[in-house]
Amino acid sequence: MDDDERAVLIYVLKTPGCTTTDIAKALFDSQDDRTLRNNDRRVRYYLEKNPCLLKVDVVGGKKRFSIPKGRMWVGISRIEMLSSEGDEISIGMGDTLIYFDEENRPNVVVIGKKDSEEYI
């Protein structure tokens, strides 16, 4: 998942009921109609790659996209772990995107960099 694809999905998460045109205008430089159409097509491509994350409603003949609660989260994360030796470990991950894929497996993507000294 590249930066643009993540940006599209995060936009949909934060702006439920948006259209591909809404997303293209908000995220990409669309100075003219041709560029807007190309960006709209790119947004559709990213959304089509991730159908398991999306809820699609048709309102007034337009597709509106949302991500249902419990399919994706974005925020600052921390891993808490109890090792097999009984040690408790806590590691700050920084800005993170977590989502479930088509096989319902959790995926964790660190999207921001944090100084490890500060978060451990």
PDB file of N, CA and C in Angstrom:
ATOM      1  N   MET A   1       0.856  -1.169   0.000  1.00  0.00           N
ATOM      2  CA  MET A   1       0.000   0.000   0.000  1.00  0.00           C
ATOM      3  C   MET A   1       0.909   1.241   0.000  1.00  0.00           C
ATOM      4  N   ASP A   2       0.791   2.074  -1.030  1.00  0.00           N
ATOM      5  CA  ASP A   2       1.650   3.256  -1.102  1.00  0.00           C
ATOM      6  C   ASP A   2       0.993   4.453  -0.394  1.00  0.00           C
ATOM      7  N   ASP A   3       1.726   5.568  -0.348  1.00  0.00           N
ATOM      8  CA  ASP A   3       1.254   6.763   0.369  1.00  0.00           C
ATOM      9  C   ASP A   3      -0.078   7.280  -0.171  1.00  0.00           C
ATOM     10  N   ASP A   4      -0.242   7.301  -1.493  1.00  0.00           N
ATOM     11  CA  ASP A   4      -1.489   7.811  -2.076  1.00  0.00           C
ATOM     12  C   ASP A   4      -2.670   6.913  -1.726  1.00  0.00           C
ATOM     13  N   GLU A   5      -2.464   5.614  -1.799  1.00  0.00           N
ATOM     14  CA  GLU A   5      -3.540   4.680  -1.464  1.00  0.00           C
ATOM     15  C   GLU A   5      -3.946   4.832   0.002  1.00  0.00           C
ATOM     16  N   ARG A   6      -2.945   4.950   0.894  1.00  0.00           N
ATOM     17  CA  ARG A   6      -3.236   5.178   2.313  1.00  0.00           C
ATOM     18  C   ARG A   6      -3.994   6.479   2.506  1.00  0.00           C
ATOM     19  N   ALA A   7      -3.571   7.533   1.806  1.00  0.00           N
ATOM     20  CA  ALA A   7      -4.236   8.834   1.931  1.00  0.00           C
ATOM     21  C   ALA A   7      -5.700   8.746   1.510  1.00  0.00           C
ATOM     22  N   VAL A   8      -5.982   8.025   0.430  1.00  0.00           N
ATOM     23  CA  VAL A   8      -7.363   7.861  -0.043  1.00  0.00           C
ATOM     24  C   VAL A   8      -8.191   7.147   1.015  1.00  0.00           C
ATOM     25  N   LEU A   9      -7.674   6.043   1.548  1.00  0.00           N
ATOM     26  CA  LEU A   9      -8.427   5.283   2.539  1.00  0.00           C
ATOM     27  C   LEU A   9      -8.631   6.070   3.829  1.00  0.00           C
ATOM     28  N   ILE A  10      -7.623   6.802   4.258  1.00  0.00           N
ATOM     29  CA  ILE A  10      -7.766   7.625   5.464  1.00  0.00           C
ATOM     30  C   ILE A  10      -8.792   8.723   5.232  1.00  0.00           C
ATOM     31  N   TYR A  11      -8.802   9.313   4.038  1.00  0.00           N
ATOM     32  CA  TYR A  11      -9.810  10.328   3.719  1.00  0.00           C
ATOM     33  C   TYR A  11     -11.215   9.741   3.806  1.00  0.00           C
ATOM     34  N   VAL A  12     -11.401   8.549   3.253  1.00  0.00           N
ATOM     35  CA  VAL A  12     -12.719   7.902   3.306  1.00  0.00           C
ATOM     36  C   VAL A  12     -13.098   7.607   4.761  1.00  0.00           C
ATOM     37  N   LEU A  13     -12.133   7.159   5.561  1.00  0.00           N
ATOM     38  CA  LEU A  13     -12.392   6.883   6.971  1.00  0.00           C
ATOM     39  C   LEU A  13     -12.859   8.148   7.695  1.00  0.00           C
ATOM     40  N   LYS A  14     -12.194   9.254   7.415  1.00  0.00           N
ATOM     41  CA  LYS A  14     -12.488  10.517   8.099  1.00  0.00           C
ATOM     42  C   LYS A  14     -13.658  11.275   7.487  1.00  0.00           C
ATOM     43  N   THR A  15     -14.055  10.930   6.247  1.00  0.00           N
ATOM     44  CA  THR A  15     -15.116  11.652   5.530  1.00  0.00           C
ATOM     45  C   THR A  15     -16.111  10.649   4.957  1.00  0.00           C
ATOM     46  N   PRO A  16     -16.902   9.991   5.810  1.00  0.00           N
ATOM     47  CA  PRO A  16     -17.846   9.005   5.296  1.00  0.00           C
ATOM     48  C   PRO A  16     -18.858   9.624   4.336  1.00  0.00           C
ATOM     49  N   GLY A  17     -19.235   8.863   3.322  1.00  0.00           N
ATOM     50  CA  GLY A  17     -20.207   9.338   2.346  1.00  0.00           C
ATOM     51  C   GLY A  17     -19.602  10.178   1.234  1.00  0.00           C
ATOM     52  N   CYS A  18     -18.280  10.123   1.075  1.00  0.00           N
ATOM     53  CA  CYS A  18     -17.623  10.915   0.032  1.00  0.00           C
ATOM     54  C   CYS A  18     -17.665  10.203  -1.320  1.00  0.00           C
ATOM     55  N   THR A  19     -17.508  10.974  -2.372  1.00  0.00           N
ATOM     56  CA  THR A  19     -17.440  10.431  -3.730  1.00  0.00           C
ATOM     57  C   THR A  19     -15.980  10.411  -4.180  1.00  0.00           C
ATOM     58  N   THR A  20     -15.718   9.729  -5.278  1.00  0.00           N
ATOM     59  CA  THR A  20     -14.350   9.716  -5.806  1.00  0.00           C
ATOM     60  C   THR A  20     -13.905  11.124  -6.196  1.00  0.00           C
ATOM     61  N   THR A  21     -14.833  11.924  -6.697  1.00  0.00           N
ATOM     62  CA  THR A  21     -14.493  13.309  -7.058  1.00  0.00           C
ATOM     63  C   THR A  21     -14.156  14.127  -5.826  1.00  0.00           C
ATOM     64  N   ASP A  22     -14.905  13.944  -4.733  1.00  0.00           N
ATOM     65  CA  ASP A  22     -14.587  14.634  -3.472  1.00  0.00           C
ATOM     66  C   ASP A  22     -13.158  14.322  -3.053  1.00  0.00           C
ATOM     67  N   ILE A  23     -12.808  13.037  -3.121  1.00  0.00           N
ATOM     68  CA  ILE A  23     -11.473  12.594  -2.704  1.00  0.00           C
ATOM     69  C   ILE A  23     -10.403  13.176  -3.617  1.00  0.00           C
ATOM     70  N   ALA A  24     -10.622  13.081  -4.933  1.00  0.00           N
ATOM     71  CA  ALA A  24      -9.636  13.593  -5.900  1.00  0.00           C
ATOM     72  C   ALA A  24      -9.391  15.088  -5.705  1.00  0.00           C
ATOM     73  N   LYS A  25     -10.453  15.846  -5.483  1.00  0.00           N
ATOM     74  CA  LYS A  25     -10.301  17.297  -5.275  1.00  0.00           C
ATOM     75  C   LYS A  25      -9.560  17.608  -3.978  1.00  0.00           C
ATOM     76  N   ALA A  26      -9.833  16.833  -2.927  1.00  0.00           N
ATOM     77  CA  ALA A  26      -9.234  17.099  -1.620  1.00  0.00           C
ATOM     78  C   ALA A  26      -7.766  16.698  -1.546  1.00  0.00           C
ATOM     79  N   LEU A  27      -7.401  15.610  -2.234  1.00  0.00           N
ATOM     80  CA  LEU A  27      -6.063  15.058  -2.041  1.00  0.00           C
ATOM     81  C   LEU A  27      -5.062  15.360  -3.147  1.00  0.00           C
ATOM     82  N   PHE A  28      -5.556  15.577  -4.362  1.00  0.00           N
ATOM     83  CA  PHE A  28      -4.635  15.712  -5.486  1.00  0.00           C
ATOM     84  C   PHE A  28      -4.854  17.039  -6.194  1.00  0.00           C
ATOM     85  N   ASP A  29      -3.793  17.545  -6.771  1.00  0.00           N
ATOM     86  CA  ASP A  29      -3.844  18.812  -7.501  1.00  0.00           C
ATOM     87  C   ASP A  29      -4.611  18.605  -8.803  1.00  0.00           C
ATOM     88  N   SER A  30      -5.820  19.114  -8.845  1.00  0.00           N
ATOM     89  CA  SER A  30      -6.684  18.939 -10.022  1.00  0.00           C
ATOM     90  C   SER A  30      -7.050  20.302 -10.585  1.00  0.00           C
ATOM     91  N   GLN A  31      -6.134  20.916 -11.318  1.00  0.00           N
ATOM     92  CA  GLN A  31      -6.316  22.286 -11.801  1.00  0.00           C
ATOM     93  C   GLN A  31      -7.270  22.394 -12.982  1.00  0.00           C
ATOM     94  N   ASP A  32      -7.438  21.315 -13.730  1.00  0.00           N
ATOM     95  CA  ASP A  32      -8.346  21.370 -14.877  1.00  0.00           C
ATOM     96  C   ASP A  32      -9.163  20.082 -14.926  1.00  0.00           C
ATOM     97  N   ASP A  33     -10.164  20.040 -15.817  1.00  0.00           N
ATOM     98  CA  ASP A  33     -11.062  18.885 -15.897  1.00  0.00           C
ATOM     99  C   ASP A  33     -10.336  17.594 -16.242  1.00  0.00           C
ATOM    100  N   ARG A  34      -9.373  17.672 -17.136  1.00  0.00           N
ATOM    101  CA  ARG A  34      -8.633  16.464 -17.541  1.00  0.00           C
ATOM    102  C   ARG A  34      -7.862  15.884 -16.361  1.00  0.00           C
ATOM    103  N   THR A  35      -7.176  16.720 -15.622  1.00  0.00           N
ATOM    104  CA  THR A  35      -6.426  16.258 -14.456  1.00  0.00           C
ATOM    105  C   THR A  35      -7.368  15.706 -13.397  1.00  0.00           C
ATOM    106  N   LEU A  36      -8.501  16.365 -13.202  1.00  0.00           N
ATOM    107  CA  LEU A  36      -9.482  15.883 -12.234  1.00  0.00           C
ATOM    108  C   LEU A  36      -9.990  14.496 -12.630  1.00  0.00           C
ATOM    109  N   ARG A  37     -10.291  14.294 -13.904  1.00  0.00           N
ATOM    110  CA  ARG A  37     -10.755  12.975 -14.369  1.00  0.00           C
ATOM    111  C   ARG A  37      -9.682  11.909 -14.144  1.00  0.00           C
ATOM    112  N   ASN A  38      -8.427  12.229 -14.416  1.00  0.00           N
ATOM    113  CA  ASN A  38      -7.327  11.284 -14.192  1.00  0.00           C
ATOM    114  C   ASN A  38      -7.182  10.956 -12.705  1.00  0.00           C
ATOM    115  N   ASN A  39      -7.273  11.988 -11.865  1.00  0.00           N
ATOM    116  CA  ASN A  39      -7.171  11.767 -10.428  1.00  0.00           C
ATOM    117  C   ASN A  39      -8.370  10.981  -9.900  1.00  0.00           C
ATOM    118  N   ASP A  40      -9.544  11.249 -10.454  1.00  0.00           N
ATOM    119  CA  ASP A  40     -10.745  10.512 -10.082  1.00  0.00           C
ATOM    120  C   ASP A  40     -10.575   9.028 -10.432  1.00  0.00           C
ATOM    121  N   ARG A  41     -10.011   8.760 -11.596  1.00  0.00           N
ATOM    122  CA  ARG A  41      -9.756   7.383 -12.039  1.00  0.00           C
ATOM    123  C   ARG A  41      -8.747   6.707 -11.100  1.00  0.00           C
ATOM    124  N   ARG A  42      -7.731   7.446 -10.682  1.00  0.00           N
ATOM    125  CA  ARG A  42      -6.724   6.908  -9.751  1.00  0.00           C
ATOM    126  C   ARG A  42      -7.368   6.567  -8.404  1.00  0.00           C
ATOM    127  N   VAL A  43      -8.242   7.436  -7.915  1.00  0.00           N
ATOM    128  CA  VAL A  43      -8.949   7.179  -6.657  1.00  0.00           C
ATOM    129  C   VAL A  43      -9.802   5.917  -6.783  1.00  0.00           C
ATOM    130  N   ARG A  44     -10.534   5.788  -7.884  1.00  0.00           N
ATOM    131  CA  ARG A  44     -11.363   4.588  -8.109  1.00  0.00           C
ATOM    132  C   ARG A  44     -10.512   3.323  -8.090  1.00  0.00           C
ATOM    133  N   TYR A  45      -9.327   3.398  -8.697  1.00  0.00           N
ATOM    134  CA  TYR A  45      -8.408   2.257  -8.711  1.00  0.00           C
ATOM    135  C   TYR A  45      -8.041   1.846  -7.281  1.00  0.00           C
ATOM    136  N   TYR A  46      -7.683   2.815  -6.439  1.00  0.00           N
ATOM    137  CA  TYR A  46      -7.328   2.502  -5.054  1.00  0.00           C
ATOM    138  C   TYR A  46      -8.513   1.919  -4.293  1.00  0.00           C
ATOM    139  N   LEU A  47      -9.692   2.450  -4.526  1.00  0.00           N
ATOM    140  CA  LEU A  47     -10.873   1.939  -3.831  1.00  0.00           C
ATOM    141  C   LEU A  47     -11.210   0.524  -4.303  1.00  0.00           C
ATOM    142  N   GLU A  48     -11.063   0.261  -5.599  1.00  0.00           N
ATOM    143  CA  GLU A  48     -11.354  -1.072  -6.138  1.00  0.00           C
ATOM    144  C   GLU A  48     -10.376  -2.121  -5.615  1.00  0.00           C
ATOM    145  N   LYS A  49      -9.170  -1.699  -5.229  1.00  0.00           N
ATOM    146  CA  LYS A  49      -8.180  -2.613  -4.655  1.00  0.00           C
ATOM    147  C   LYS A  49      -8.546  -3.039  -3.238  1.00  0.00           C
ATOM    148  N   ASN A  50      -9.442  -2.295  -2.597  1.00  0.00           N
ATOM    149  CA  ASN A  50      -9.748  -2.524  -1.181  1.00  0.00           C
ATOM    150  C   ASN A  50     -11.243  -2.677  -0.913  1.00  0.00           C
ATOM    151  N   PRO A  51     -11.938  -3.538  -1.666  1.00  0.00           N
ATOM    152  CA  PRO A  51     -13.391  -3.642  -1.481  1.00  0.00           C
ATOM    153  C   PRO A  51     -13.791  -4.137  -0.100  1.00  0.00           C
ATOM    154  N   CYS A  52     -12.921  -4.920   0.549  1.00  0.00           N
ATOM    155  CA  CYS A  52     -13.258  -5.465   1.861  1.00  0.00           C
ATOM    156  C   CYS A  52     -13.333  -4.390   2.942  1.00  0.00           C
ATOM    157  N   LEU A  53     -12.770  -3.221   2.676  1.00  0.00           N
ATOM    158  CA  LEU A  53     -12.797  -2.127   3.655  1.00  0.00           C
ATOM    159  C   LEU A  53     -13.983  -1.197   3.461  1.00  0.00           C
ATOM    160  N   LEU A  54     -14.639  -1.283   2.326  1.00  0.00           N
ATOM    161  CA  LEU A  54     -15.586  -0.233   1.942  1.00  0.00           C
ATOM    162  C   LEU A  54     -17.047  -0.627   2.062  1.00  0.00           C
ATOM    163  N   LYS A  55     -17.827   0.367   2.396  1.00  0.00           N
ATOM    164  CA  LYS A  55     -19.279   0.294   2.278  1.00  0.00           C
ATOM    165  C   LYS A  55     -19.628   1.306   1.188  1.00  0.00           C
ATOM    166  N   VAL A  56     -20.404   0.869   0.203  1.00  0.00           N
ATOM    167  CA  VAL A  56     -20.758   1.732  -0.921  1.00  0.00           C
ATOM    168  C   VAL A  56     -22.267   1.915  -0.936  1.00  0.00           C
ATOM    169  N   ASP A  57     -22.702   3.165  -0.908  1.00  0.00           N
ATOM    170  CA  ASP A  57     -24.119   3.511  -1.037  1.00  0.00           C
ATOM    171  C   ASP A  57     -24.287   4.324  -2.305  1.00  0.00           C
ATOM    172  N   VAL A  58     -25.405   4.135  -2.981  1.00  0.00           N
ATOM    173  CA  VAL A  58     -25.704   4.954  -4.153  1.00  0.00           C
ATOM    174  C   VAL A  58     -26.770   5.957  -3.737  1.00  0.00           C
ATOM    175  N   VAL A  59     -26.410   7.245  -3.822  1.00  0.00           N
ATOM    176  CA  VAL A  59     -27.314   8.331  -3.438  1.00  0.00           C
ATOM    177  C   VAL A  59     -27.403   9.292  -4.620  1.00  0.00           C
ATOM    178  N   GLY A  60     -28.592   9.474  -5.142  1.00  0.00           N
ATOM    179  CA  GLY A  60     -28.762  10.370  -6.283  1.00  0.00           C
ATOM    180  C   GLY A  60     -27.949   9.945  -7.491  1.00  0.00           C
ATOM    181  N   GLY A  61     -27.781   8.635  -7.670  1.00  0.00           N
ATOM    182  CA  GLY A  61     -27.034   8.129  -8.816  1.00  0.00           C
ATOM    183  C   GLY A  61     -25.525   8.165  -8.647  1.00  0.00           C
ATOM    184  N   LYS A  62     -25.027   8.628  -7.477  1.00  0.00           N
ATOM    185  CA  LYS A  62     -23.576   8.693  -7.238  1.00  0.00           C
ATOM    186  C   LYS A  62     -23.184   7.700  -6.154  1.00  0.00           C
ATOM    187  N   LYS A  63     -22.055   7.028  -6.378  1.00  0.00           N
ATOM    188  CA  LYS A  63     -21.521   6.132  -5.360  1.00  0.00           C
ATOM    189  C   LYS A  63     -20.879   6.959  -4.256  1.00  0.00           C
ATOM    190  N   ARG A  64     -21.233   6.607  -3.034  1.00  0.00           N
ATOM    191  CA  ARG A  64     -20.662   7.270  -1.856  1.00  0.00           C
ATOM    192  C   ARG A  64     -19.987   6.197  -1.006  1.00  0.00           C
ATOM    193  N   PHE A  65     -18.762   6.486  -0.610  1.00  0.00           N
ATOM    194  CA  PHE A  65     -17.921   5.507   0.058  1.00  0.00           C
ATOM    195  C   PHE A  65     -17.747   5.822   1.539  1.00  0.00           C
ATOM    196  N   SER A  66     -17.733   4.764   2.344  1.00  0.00           N
ATOM    197  CA  SER A  66     -17.470   4.851   3.778  1.00  0.00           C
ATOM    198  C   SER A  66     -16.695   3.603   4.179  1.00  0.00           C
ATOM    199  N   ILE A  67     -16.073   3.656   5.339  1.00  0.00           N
ATOM    200  CA  ILE A  67     -15.415   2.486   5.905  1.00  0.00           C
ATOM    201  C   ILE A  67     -16.161   2.147   7.186  1.00  0.00           C
ATOM    202  N   PRO A  68     -16.775   0.959   7.237  1.00  0.00           N
ATOM    203  CA  PRO A  68     -17.540   0.587   8.430  1.00  0.00           C
ATOM    204  C   PRO A  68     -16.668   0.539   9.678  1.00  0.00           C
ATOM    205  N   LYS A  69     -17.278   0.880  10.798  1.00  0.00           N
ATOM    206  CA  LYS A  69     -16.586   0.844  12.085  1.00  0.00           C
ATOM    207  C   LYS A  69     -16.016  -0.560  12.313  1.00  0.00           C
ATOM    208  N   GLY A  70     -14.784  -0.603  12.774  1.00  0.00           N
ATOM    209  CA  GLY A  70     -14.148  -1.877  13.074  1.00  0.00           C
ATOM    210  C   GLY A  70     -13.357  -2.492  11.938  1.00  0.00           C
ATOM    211  N   ARG A  71     -13.273  -1.817  10.786  1.00  0.00           N
ATOM    212  CA  ARG A  71     -12.492  -2.332   9.651  1.00  0.00           C
ATOM    213  C   ARG A  71     -11.139  -1.645   9.510  1.00  0.00           C
ATOM    214  N   MET A  72     -11.036  -0.394  10.002  1.00  0.00           N
ATOM    215  CA  MET A  72      -9.796   0.365   9.827  1.00  0.00           C
ATOM    216  C   MET A  72      -9.689   1.420  10.913  1.00  0.00           C
ATOM    217  N   TRP A  73      -8.461   1.653  11.393  1.00  0.00           N
ATOM    218  CA  TRP A  73      -8.193   2.683  12.385  1.00  0.00           C
ATOM    219  C   TRP A  73      -6.909   3.407  11.989  1.00  0.00           C
ATOM    220  N   VAL A  74      -6.815   4.667  12.392  1.00  0.00           N
ATOM    221  CA  VAL A  74      -5.583   5.423  12.199  1.00  0.00           C
ATOM    222  C   VAL A  74      -5.342   6.227  13.475  1.00  0.00           C
ATOM    223  N   GLY A  75      -4.095   6.233  13.930  1.00  0.00           N
ATOM    224  CA  GLY A  75      -3.764   6.953  15.158  1.00  0.00           C
ATOM    225  C   GLY A  75      -2.355   6.613  15.596  1.00  0.00           C
ATOM    226  N   ILE A  76      -2.049   6.972  16.824  1.00  0.00           N
ATOM    227  CA  ILE A  76      -0.738   6.672  17.396  1.00  0.00           C
ATOM    228  C   ILE A  76      -0.863   5.339  18.122  1.00  0.00           C
ATOM    229  N   SER A  77       0.066   4.429  17.859  1.00  0.00           N
ATOM    230  CA  SER A  77      -0.064   3.093  18.444  1.00  0.00           C
ATOM    231  C   SER A  77       1.136   2.717  19.298  1.00  0.00           C
ATOM    232  N   ARG A  78       0.906   1.680  20.080  1.00  0.00           N
ATOM    233  CA  ARG A  78       1.929   1.113  20.944  1.00  0.00           C
ATOM    234  C   ARG A  78       1.711  -0.388  20.975  1.00  0.00           C
ATOM    235  N   ILE A  79       2.789  -1.140  20.913  1.00  0.00           N
ATOM    236  CA  ILE A  79       2.702  -2.596  21.045  1.00  0.00           C
ATOM    237  C   ILE A  79       2.987  -2.948  22.495  1.00  0.00           C
ATOM    238  N   GLU A  80       2.079  -3.687  23.090  1.00  0.00           N
ATOM    239  CA  GLU A  80       2.259  -4.211  24.445  1.00  0.00           C
ATOM    240  C   GLU A  80       2.411  -5.721  24.298  1.00  0.00           C
ATOM    241  N   MET A  81       3.469  -6.286  24.901  1.00  0.00           N
ATOM    242  CA  MET A  81       3.717  -7.707  24.721  1.00  0.00           C
ATOM    243  C   MET A  81       4.260  -8.317  26.001  1.00  0.00           C
ATOM    244  N   LEU A  82       3.869  -9.536  26.256  1.00  0.00           N
ATOM    245  CA  LEU A  82       4.431 -10.324  27.341  1.00  0.00           C
ATOM    246  C   LEU A  82       5.270 -11.404  26.676  1.00  0.00           C
ATOM    247  N   SER A  83       6.587 -11.366  26.891  1.00  0.00           N
ATOM    248  CA  SER A  83       7.475 -12.332  26.231  1.00  0.00           C
ATOM    249  C   SER A  83       7.337 -13.708  26.865  1.00  0.00           C
ATOM    250  N   SER A  84       7.863 -14.716  26.188  1.00  0.00           N
ATOM    251  CA  SER A  84       7.801 -16.091  26.715  1.00  0.00           C
ATOM    252  C   SER A  84       8.614 -16.230  28.002  1.00  0.00           C
ATOM    253  N   GLU A  85       9.541 -15.289  28.235  1.00  0.00           N
ATOM    254  CA  GLU A  85      10.331 -15.295  29.467  1.00  0.00           C
ATOM    255  C   GLU A  85       9.617 -14.545  30.591  1.00  0.00           C
ATOM    256  N   GLY A  86       8.466 -13.949  30.298  1.00  0.00           N
ATOM    257  CA  GLY A  86       7.698 -13.223  31.316  1.00  0.00           C
ATOM    258  C   GLY A  86       7.984 -11.724  31.368  1.00  0.00           C
ATOM    259  N   ASP A  87       8.829 -11.224  30.448  1.00  0.00           N
ATOM    260  CA  ASP A  87       9.122  -9.795  30.410  1.00  0.00           C
ATOM    261  C   ASP A  87       7.972  -9.043  29.752  1.00  0.00           C
ATOM    262  N   GLU A  88       7.631  -7.879  30.295  1.00  0.00           N
ATOM    263  CA  GLU A  88       6.629  -7.022  29.662  1.00  0.00           C
ATOM    264  C   GLU A  88       7.352  -5.999  28.791  1.00  0.00           C
ATOM    265  N   ILE A  89       6.916  -5.896  27.548  1.00  0.00           N
ATOM    266  CA  ILE A  89       7.561  -5.007  26.585  1.00  0.00           C
ATOM    267  C   ILE A  89       6.512  -4.042  26.050  1.00  0.00           C
ATOM    268  N   SER A  90       6.880  -2.763  25.968  1.00  0.00           N
ATOM    269  CA  SER A  90       5.985  -1.755  25.412  1.00  0.00           C
ATOM    270  C   SER A  90       6.806  -0.891  24.458  1.00  0.00           C
ATOM    271  N   ILE A  91       6.402  -0.892  23.182  1.00  0.00           N
ATOM    272  CA  ILE A  91       7.147  -0.143  22.170  1.00  0.00           C
ATOM    273  C   ILE A  91       6.186   0.791  21.449  1.00  0.00           C
ATOM    274  N   GLY A  92       6.505   2.076  21.448  1.00  0.00           N
ATOM    275  CA  GLY A  92       5.700   3.045  20.709  1.00  0.00           C
ATOM    276  C   GLY A  92       5.953   2.915  19.222  1.00  0.00           C
ATOM    277  N   MET A  93       4.876   2.886  18.451  1.00  0.00           N
ATOM    278  CA  MET A  93       4.992   2.727  17.004  1.00  0.00           C
ATOM    279  C   MET A  93       4.872   4.051  16.264  1.00  0.00           C
ATOM    280  N   GLY A  94       4.295   5.062  16.895  1.00  0.00           N
ATOM    281  CA  GLY A  94       4.053   6.322  16.207  1.00  0.00           C
ATOM    282  C   GLY A  94       2.749   6.262  15.415  1.00  0.00           C
ATOM    283  N   ASP A  95       2.648   7.072  14.379  1.00  0.00           N
ATOM    284  CA  ASP A  95       1.431   7.119  13.561  1.00  0.00           C
ATOM    285  C   ASP A  95       1.269   5.802  12.815  1.00  0.00           C
ATOM    286  N   THR A  96       0.085   5.195  12.978  1.00  0.00           N
ATOM    287  CA  THR A  96      -0.123   3.842  12.475  1.00  0.00           C
ATOM    288  C   THR A  96      -1.500   3.704  11.841  1.00  0.00           C
ATOM    289  N   LEU A  97      -1.567   2.893  10.792  1.00  0.00           N
ATOM    290  CA  LEU A  97      -2.813   2.524  10.138  1.00  0.00           C
ATOM    291  C   LEU A  97      -2.993   1.023  10.347  1.00  0.00           C
ATOM    292  N   ILE A  98      -4.152   0.628  10.876  1.00  0.00           N
ATOM    293  CA  ILE A  98      -4.469  -0.784  11.060  1.00  0.00           C
ATOM    294  C   ILE A  98      -5.753  -1.069  10.293  1.00  0.00           C
ATOM    295  N   TYR A  99      -5.740  -2.135   9.494  1.00  0.00           N
ATOM    296  CA  TYR A  99      -6.940  -2.498   8.739  1.00  0.00           C
ATOM    297  C   TYR A  99      -7.002  -4.015   8.580  1.00  0.00           C
ATOM    298  N   PHE A 100      -8.211  -4.507   8.298  1.00  0.00           N
ATOM    299  CA  PHE A 100      -8.405  -5.922   8.029  1.00  0.00           C
ATOM    300  C   PHE A 100      -8.477  -6.132   6.528  1.00  0.00           C
ATOM    301  N   ASP A 101      -7.748  -7.131   6.029  1.00  0.00           N
ATOM    302  CA  ASP A 101      -7.750  -7.424   4.595  1.00  0.00           C
ATOM    303  C   ASP A 101      -8.896  -8.359   4.229  1.00  0.00           C
ATOM    304  N   GLU A 102      -8.909  -8.805   2.964  1.00  0.00           N
ATOM    305  CA  GLU A 102     -10.011  -9.629   2.462  1.00  0.00           C
ATOM    306  C   GLU A 102     -10.107 -10.985   3.151  1.00  0.00           C
ATOM    307  N   GLU A 103      -9.037 -11.430   3.775  1.00  0.00           N
ATOM    308  CA  GLU A 103      -9.061 -12.689   4.525  1.00  0.00           C
ATOM    309  C   GLU A 103      -9.243 -12.447   6.018  1.00  0.00           C
ATOM    310  N   ASN A 104      -9.617 -11.222   6.346  1.00  0.00           N
ATOM    311  CA  ASN A 104      -9.893 -10.790   7.720  1.00  0.00           C
ATOM    312  C   ASN A 104      -8.657 -10.870   8.627  1.00  0.00           C
ATOM    313  N   ARG A 105      -7.475 -10.714   8.026  1.00  0.00           N
ATOM    314  CA  ARG A 105      -6.230 -10.666   8.784  1.00  0.00           C
ATOM    315  C   ARG A 105      -5.912  -9.208   9.103  1.00  0.00           C
ATOM    316  N   PRO A 106      -5.461  -8.915  10.321  1.00  0.00           N
ATOM    317  CA  PRO A 106      -5.090  -7.536  10.639  1.00  0.00           C
ATOM    318  C   PRO A 106      -3.764  -7.172   9.969  1.00  0.00           C
ATOM    319  N   ASN A 107      -3.691  -5.953   9.449  1.00  0.00           N
ATOM    320  CA  ASN A 107      -2.465  -5.419   8.853  1.00  0.00           C
ATOM    321  C   ASN A 107      -2.117  -4.143   9.600  1.00  0.00           C
ATOM    322  N   VAL A 108      -0.852  -4.013   9.974  1.00  0.00           N
ATOM    323  CA  VAL A 108      -0.378  -2.846  10.709  1.00  0.00           C
ATOM    324  C   VAL A 108       0.671  -2.152   9.859  1.00  0.00           C
ATOM    325  N   VAL A 109       0.428  -0.871   9.554  1.00  0.00           N
ATOM    326  CA  VAL A 109       1.349  -0.097   8.731  1.00  0.00           C
ATOM    327  C   VAL A 109       1.750   1.157   9.502  1.00  0.00           C
ATOM    328  N   VAL A 110       3.038   1.273   9.814  1.00  0.00           N
ATOM    329  CA  VAL A 110       3.524   2.486  10.469  1.00  0.00           C
ATOM    330  C   VAL A 110       3.637   3.555   9.395  1.00  0.00           C
ATOM    331  N   ILE A 111       2.917   4.674   9.565  1.00  0.00           N
ATOM    332  CA  ILE A 111       2.871   5.698   8.528  1.00  0.00           C
ATOM    333  C   ILE A 111       3.632   6.963   8.897  1.00  0.00           C
ATOM    334  N   GLY A 112       4.133   7.005  10.122  1.00  0.00           N
ATOM    335  CA  GLY A 112       4.914   8.158  10.550  1.00  0.00           C
ATOM    336  C   GLY A 112       6.150   7.680  11.288  1.00  0.00           C
ATOM    337  N   LYS A 113       7.157   8.507  11.337  1.00  0.00           N
ATOM    338  CA  LYS A 113       8.383   8.140  12.029  1.00  0.00           C
ATOM    339  C   LYS A 113       8.419   8.847  13.375  1.00  0.00           C
ATOM    340  N   LYS A 114       8.782   8.089  14.388  1.00  0.00           N
ATOM    341  CA  LYS A 114       8.939   8.642  15.734  1.00  0.00           C
ATOM    342  C   LYS A 114      10.307   8.219  16.248  1.00  0.00           C
ATOM    343  N   ASP A 115      10.919   9.086  17.053  1.00  0.00           N
ATOM    344  CA  ASP A 115      12.195   8.766  17.672  1.00  0.00           C
ATOM    345  C   ASP A 115      11.971   7.644  18.683  1.00  0.00           C
ATOM    346  N   SER A 116      12.622   6.497  18.462  1.00  0.00           N
ATOM    347  CA  SER A 116      12.373   5.329  19.304  1.00  0.00           C
ATOM    348  C   SER A 116      12.686   5.597  20.773  1.00  0.00           C
ATOM    349  N   GLU A 117      13.684   6.408  21.074  1.00  0.00           N
ATOM    350  CA  GLU A 117      14.023   6.719  22.468  1.00  0.00           C
ATOM    351  C   GLU A 117      12.832   7.353  23.179  1.00  0.00           C
ATOM    352  N   GLU A 118      12.092   8.179  22.441  1.00  0.00           N
ATOM    353  CA  GLU A 118      10.978   8.907  23.040  1.00  0.00           C
ATOM    354  C   GLU A 118       9.782   8.016  23.327  1.00  0.00           C
ATOM    355  N   TYR A 119       9.603   6.938  22.556  1.00  0.00           N
ATOM    356  CA  TYR A 119       8.392   6.137  22.655  1.00  0.00           C
ATOM    357  C   TYR A 119       8.568   4.773  23.315  1.00  0.00           C
ATOM    358  N   ILE A 120       9.779   4.393  23.643  1.00  0.00           N
ATOM    359  CA  ILE A 120       9.990   3.080  24.288  1.00  0.00           C
ATOM    360  C   ILE A 120       9.910   3.239  25.795  1.00  0.00           C
TER     361      ILE A 120
END
